Amino acid sequence: MHVGICQVTLYLPDNHSLKGKRKVIKSLIERLKNRFNVAVAETGGQDEWQRAVLSLCLVANDGSFVNQGLDKILDFIEADGRLDVGEASLEILAFHDQ
């Protein structure tokens, strides 16, 4: 089993309220869950208007599938015209059957 964990910092430069930020982030999270079947949560910047940190987790039997999946997710986020992608960190953990 392979577990991919990704944390990405997002910037919303045109946003001027927490309500506007919540609308964009909630929409993005739902689209990611539906399209990629990935676990997603906002884990940082909750009280900031123009910054959010999303954490994602993807589990599969193949490490290369996990890596490709997380790359596609990051490309999808970057293609969203409502925000800018800042720093992204990626880690893939391998667990072997006992």
Protein backbone atom coordinates (compact mmCIF):
# COMPACT_ATOMS: atom_id res chain seq x y z
CA MET A 1 0.00 0.00 0.00
CA HIS A 2 1.25 3.48 -0.85
CA VAL A 3 0.01 6.69 0.76
CA GLY A 4 0.64 10.03 -0.90
CA ILE A 5 0.43 13.17 1.20
CA CYS A 6 0.51 16.62 -0.34
CA GLN A 7 0.32 20.02 1.30
CA VAL A 8 -0.15 23.04 -0.93
CA THR A 9 -0.31 26.75 -0.11
CA LEU A 10 -2.83 28.72 -2.14
CA TYR A 11 -3.10 32.48 -2.59
CA LEU A 12 -6.30 34.29 -3.52
CA PRO A 13 -5.01 37.75 -4.50
CA ASP A 14 -8.38 39.10 -5.69
CA ASN A 15 -10.24 38.03 -2.56
CA HIS A 16 -11.22 40.58 0.11
CA SER A 17 -13.27 38.61 2.66
CA LEU A 18 -13.38 35.31 4.51
CA LYS A 19 -16.79 34.65 2.95
CA GLY A 20 -15.33 34.97 -0.56
CA LYS A 21 -12.39 32.75 0.37
CA ARG A 22 -14.67 30.06 1.83
CA LYS A 23 -16.71 30.03 -1.38
CA VAL A 24 -13.64 29.42 -3.56
CA ILE A 25 -11.95 26.91 -1.25
CA LYS A 26 -15.13 24.93 -0.55
CA SER A 27 -15.84 24.72 -4.29
CA LEU A 28 -12.27 23.58 -5.02
CA ILE A 29 -12.34 20.93 -2.28
CA GLU A 30 -15.62 19.46 -3.54
CA ARG A 31 -14.35 19.38 -7.14
CA LEU A 32 -11.14 17.62 -6.03
CA LYS A 33 -13.06 15.03 -4.00
CA ASN A 34 -15.49 14.30 -6.82
CA ARG A 35 -12.97 14.21 -9.65
CA PHE A 36 -10.01 12.46 -7.99
CA ASN A 37 -11.54 10.54 -5.06
CA VAL A 38 -8.99 12.11 -2.72
CA ALA A 39 -9.23 13.17 0.93
CA VAL A 40 -8.85 16.96 1.21
CA ALA A 41 -9.00 19.42 4.09
CA GLU A 42 -8.09 23.05 4.68
CA THR A 43 -5.37 22.78 7.32
CA GLY A 44 -3.95 26.28 7.50
CA GLY A 45 -4.69 29.93 6.99
CA GLN A 46 -8.32 29.59 8.05
CA ASP A 47 -8.45 33.17 9.38
CA GLU A 48 -6.58 34.75 6.46
CA TRP A 49 -8.50 36.28 3.55
CA GLN A 50 -5.99 35.64 0.80
CA ARG A 51 -4.15 32.47 1.87
CA ALA A 52 -5.16 28.86 2.43
CA VAL A 53 -3.28 25.63 3.02
CA LEU A 54 -4.83 22.43 1.69
CA SER A 55 -3.70 18.95 2.69
CA LEU A 56 -4.50 16.00 0.44
CA CYS A 57 -4.16 12.24 0.87
CA LEU A 58 -4.31 9.58 -1.83
CA VAL A 59 -4.00 5.82 -1.20
CA ALA A 60 -3.33 3.10 -3.81
CA ASN A 61 -1.48 -0.17 -4.34
CA ASP A 62 1.06 1.38 -6.74
CA GLY A 63 3.45 4.18 -5.78
CA SER A 64 3.72 5.50 -9.33
CA PHE A 65 -0.10 5.74 -9.51
CA VAL A 66 -0.09 7.80 -6.31
CA ASN A 67 2.67 10.07 -7.65
CA GLN A 68 0.89 10.59 -10.99
CA GLY A 69 -2.42 11.19 -9.22
CA LEU A 70 -1.00 13.89 -6.97
CA ASP A 71 0.73 15.51 -9.96
CA LYS A 72 -2.60 15.61 -11.82
CA ILE A 73 -4.28 17.11 -8.76
CA LEU A 74 -1.65 19.87 -8.54
CA ASP A 75 -2.08 20.57 -12.28
CA PHE A 76 -5.85 20.76 -11.77
CA ILE A 77 -5.43 23.24 -8.90
CA GLU A 78 -3.01 25.36 -10.94
CA ALA A 79 -5.50 25.45 -13.84
CA ASP A 80 -8.18 26.97 -11.58
CA GLY A 81 -8.13 30.65 -12.48
CA ARG A 82 -9.33 31.87 -9.08
CA LEU A 83 -6.12 31.28 -7.13
CA ASP A 84 -2.35 31.07 -7.32
CA VAL A 85 -0.36 28.05 -6.15
CA GLY A 86 2.52 28.75 -3.80
CA GLU A 87 4.64 26.13 -2.10
CA ALA A 88 3.70 22.46 -2.48
CA SER A 89 5.24 19.52 -0.63
CA LEU A 90 4.73 15.88 -1.54
CA GLU A 91 5.56 12.69 0.33
CA ILE A 92 4.83 9.08 -0.60
CA LEU A 93 4.94 6.42 2.10
CA ALA A 94 5.12 2.70 1.33
CA PHE A 95 3.63 0.11 3.68
CA HIS A 96 4.28 -3.57 3.13
CA ASP A 97 2.01 -6.46 4.10
CA GLN A 98 3.09 -8.38 7.16
